[in-house]
Amino acid sequence: MISIEKYSKKWAEQVNQLSVKPEQVAFTVSDINGLLSILTPLEHPCLIIKNNQVVGFFLLDLNYSAIYHFADKAIGIRSLLVDQRFQGQGIAREAINNIPRYVGCHYPEFEVLQLTVNCQNKAAYACYQKCGFETLDSLYLGGPVGPQFVMQRNLV
């Protein structure tokens, strides 16, 4: 069973061990500690926990709508990763399906989950589709390694 928790320092050692496969590095964060050190108050780091083990990480961006203008009342999912040791076990799918409930409990003012996924990251794109995310009509062209699909899932 997967749970989602807000990051806390008690998990720091396990978070330091998270990594993805070399071919995935371009699509997500590779230095979580560096990212944690520069977050704004509107960027909330979250952990994916399984059996008291940190198996993944993502950010909830409360300022997503203001920055990207894809939709009003949207909270963004950024930098989602599942550690390479735990990939292929359905953890990403289960975590992504749990995010709406987590957001609804902790951030009830939001109506939509949004994210961008690189057009070359076919596995992540398919996973988000299976989890009920729909692709919007336009691409986001400001990604660090090329165009990205804009995807969303309603919360209400």
Protein backbone atom coordinates (compact mmCIF):
# COMPACT_ATOMS: atom_id res chain seq x y z
CA MET A 1 0.00 0.00 0.00
CA ILE A 2 1.25 3.44 -0.99
CA SER A 3 0.94 6.58 1.08
CA ILE A 4 1.83 10.18 0.34
CA GLU A 5 3.42 12.39 2.96
CA LYS A 6 4.74 15.91 3.03
CA TYR A 7 8.54 15.82 3.12
CA SER A 8 10.12 15.98 6.55
CA LYS A 9 13.77 15.69 7.57
CA LYS A 10 13.15 12.33 9.25
CA TRP A 11 13.15 10.88 5.72
CA ALA A 12 16.27 12.75 4.54
CA GLU A 13 18.60 9.74 4.49
CA GLN A 14 16.18 7.69 2.37
CA VAL A 15 15.46 10.65 0.08
CA ASN A 16 19.21 11.00 -0.53
CA GLN A 17 19.24 7.46 -1.91
CA LEU A 18 16.52 8.05 -4.53
CA SER A 19 17.68 7.77 -8.13
CA VAL A 20 16.31 7.05 -11.57
CA LYS A 21 17.71 5.14 -14.52
CA PRO A 22 20.28 7.06 -16.61
CA GLU A 23 17.86 7.43 -19.53
CA GLN A 24 15.29 9.07 -17.18
CA VAL A 25 17.58 11.72 -15.68
CA ALA A 26 16.70 14.32 -18.34
CA PHE A 27 13.01 14.10 -17.45
CA THR A 28 13.05 14.65 -13.69
CA VAL A 29 15.06 16.05 -10.83
CA SER A 30 18.42 14.37 -10.22
CA ASP A 31 19.52 16.40 -7.18
CA ILE A 32 16.61 16.35 -4.73
CA ASN A 33 18.67 17.95 -1.95
CA GLY A 34 19.62 20.82 -4.22
CA LEU A 35 15.99 21.26 -5.19
CA LEU A 36 14.85 21.20 -1.55
CA SER A 37 17.30 23.99 -0.74
CA ILE A 38 15.79 26.41 -3.29
CA LEU A 39 12.06 25.76 -2.94
CA THR A 40 9.67 28.65 -2.48
CA PRO A 41 6.94 28.55 0.19
CA LEU A 42 4.46 27.64 -2.58
CA GLU A 43 6.38 24.52 -3.65
CA HIS A 44 5.62 21.59 -1.34
CA PRO A 45 7.82 18.49 -1.54
CA CYS A 46 5.99 15.18 -1.11
CA LEU A 47 7.15 11.63 -0.64
CA ILE A 48 5.78 8.34 -1.88
CA ILE A 49 6.05 5.80 0.93
CA LYS A 50 5.66 2.02 0.76
CA ASN A 51 6.22 -0.21 3.80
CA ASN A 52 7.93 2.61 5.70
CA GLN A 53 10.37 3.11 2.81
CA VAL A 54 10.64 6.24 0.64
CA VAL A 55 10.17 4.99 -2.92
CA GLY A 56 9.44 8.24 -4.72
CA PHE A 57 9.23 12.01 -4.68
CA PHE A 58 7.28 14.86 -6.28
CA LEU A 59 6.48 18.52 -5.80
CA LEU A 60 3.08 20.11 -5.48
CA ASP A 61 3.28 23.60 -6.95
CA LEU A 62 0.60 25.86 -5.49
CA ASN A 63 1.59 28.69 -7.84
CA TYR A 64 1.29 26.58 -11.01
CA SER A 65 -1.68 28.49 -12.46
CA ALA A 66 0.01 31.84 -12.03
CA ILE A 67 3.23 30.69 -13.68
CA TYR A 68 1.97 28.54 -16.55
CA HIS A 69 -1.55 29.88 -17.21
CA PHE A 70 -2.92 26.52 -18.35
CA ALA A 71 -6.00 26.73 -16.08
CA ASP A 72 -7.35 28.57 -13.06
CA LYS A 73 -7.38 26.88 -9.66
CA ALA A 74 -4.80 24.30 -10.79
CA ILE A 75 -2.17 22.76 -8.56
CA GLY A 76 0.87 21.46 -10.39
CA ILE A 77 2.67 18.15 -10.06
CA ARG A 78 6.35 18.52 -10.82
CA SER A 79 9.49 16.38 -10.67
CA LEU A 80 7.66 13.12 -9.98
CA LEU A 81 9.95 10.13 -9.78
CA VAL A 82 9.92 6.58 -8.52
CA ASP A 83 13.30 5.22 -7.48
CA GLN A 84 14.75 2.83 -10.05
CA ARG A 85 14.82 0.00 -7.47
CA PHE A 86 11.03 0.16 -7.21
CA GLN A 87 10.01 0.77 -10.83
CA GLY A 88 7.84 -1.76 -12.61
CA GLN A 89 5.77 -2.54 -9.51
CA GLY A 90 2.80 -0.24 -10.17
CA ILE A 91 3.98 2.28 -7.58
CA ALA A 92 3.80 5.29 -9.90
CA ARG A 93 0.26 4.39 -10.97
CA GLU A 94 -0.89 3.88 -7.39
CA ALA A 95 0.76 7.09 -6.20
CA ILE A 96 -0.64 9.17 -9.06
CA ASN A 97 -4.11 7.79 -8.34
CA ASN A 98 -3.69 8.76 -4.66
CA ILE A 99 -2.60 12.34 -5.36
CA PRO A 100 -6.15 13.66 -5.98
CA ARG A 101 -7.29 12.43 -2.56
CA TYR A 102 -4.19 13.89 -0.89
CA VAL A 103 -4.70 17.25 -2.62
CA GLY A 104 -8.41 17.25 -1.79
CA CYS A 105 -7.63 16.77 1.91
CA HIS A 106 -4.74 19.23 2.19
CA TYR A 107 -5.45 21.76 -0.57
CA PRO A 108 -9.25 21.88 -1.04
CA GLU A 109 -9.13 25.25 -2.81
CA PHE A 110 -7.81 23.63 -6.01
CA GLU A 111 -10.03 22.12 -8.71
CA VAL A 112 -7.53 20.70 -11.20
CA LEU A 113 -4.26 18.76 -11.12
CA GLN A 114 -1.91 19.72 -13.93
CA LEU A 115 1.52 18.67 -15.12
CA THR A 116 3.73 18.66 -18.15
CA VAL A 117 5.47 15.56 -19.43
CA ASN A 118 8.19 15.54 -22.06
CA CYS A 119 6.97 14.30 -25.44
CA GLN A 120 9.87 11.80 -25.49
CA ASN A 121 8.94 10.31 -22.10
CA LYS A 122 6.45 7.79 -23.46
CA ALA A 123 6.30 5.62 -20.32
CA ALA A 124 5.37 8.55 -18.06
CA TYR A 125 2.85 9.86 -20.60
CA ALA A 126 1.13 6.47 -20.81
CA CYS A 127 1.07 6.16 -17.02
CA TYR A 128 -0.59 9.57 -16.59
CA GLN A 129 -3.16 8.66 -19.26
CA LYS A 130 -4.00 5.41 -17.46
CA CYS A 131 -4.47 7.44 -14.28
CA GLY A 132 -7.13 9.65 -15.83
CA PHE A 133 -5.07 12.62 -17.01
CA GLU A 134 -6.19 14.16 -20.28
CA THR A 135 -3.89 15.88 -22.75
CA LEU A 136 -4.67 19.51 -23.53
CA ASP A 137 -4.50 20.78 -27.10
CA SER A 138 -1.30 22.82 -26.94
CA LEU A 139 2.26 21.80 -26.12
CA TYR A 140 4.41 23.56 -23.54
CA LEU A 141 7.58 24.63 -25.33
CA GLY A 142 9.58 25.88 -22.32
CA GLY A 143 10.78 22.49 -21.13
CA PRO A 144 14.51 21.93 -20.58
CA VAL A 145 14.74 19.01 -23.04
CA GLY A 146 12.09 19.79 -25.63
CA PRO A 147 8.33 20.11 -26.01
CA GLN A 148 6.03 18.79 -23.34
CA PHE A 149 2.45 17.60 -23.27
CA VAL A 150 0.21 19.54 -20.89
CA MET A 151 -2.02 17.14 -18.96
CA GLN A 152 -4.72 17.60 -16.39
CA ARG A 153 -7.14 15.72 -14.18
CA ASN A 154 -10.12 17.30 -12.48
CA LEU A 155 -10.30 17.14 -8.71
CA VAL A 156 -13.98 18.09 -8.37
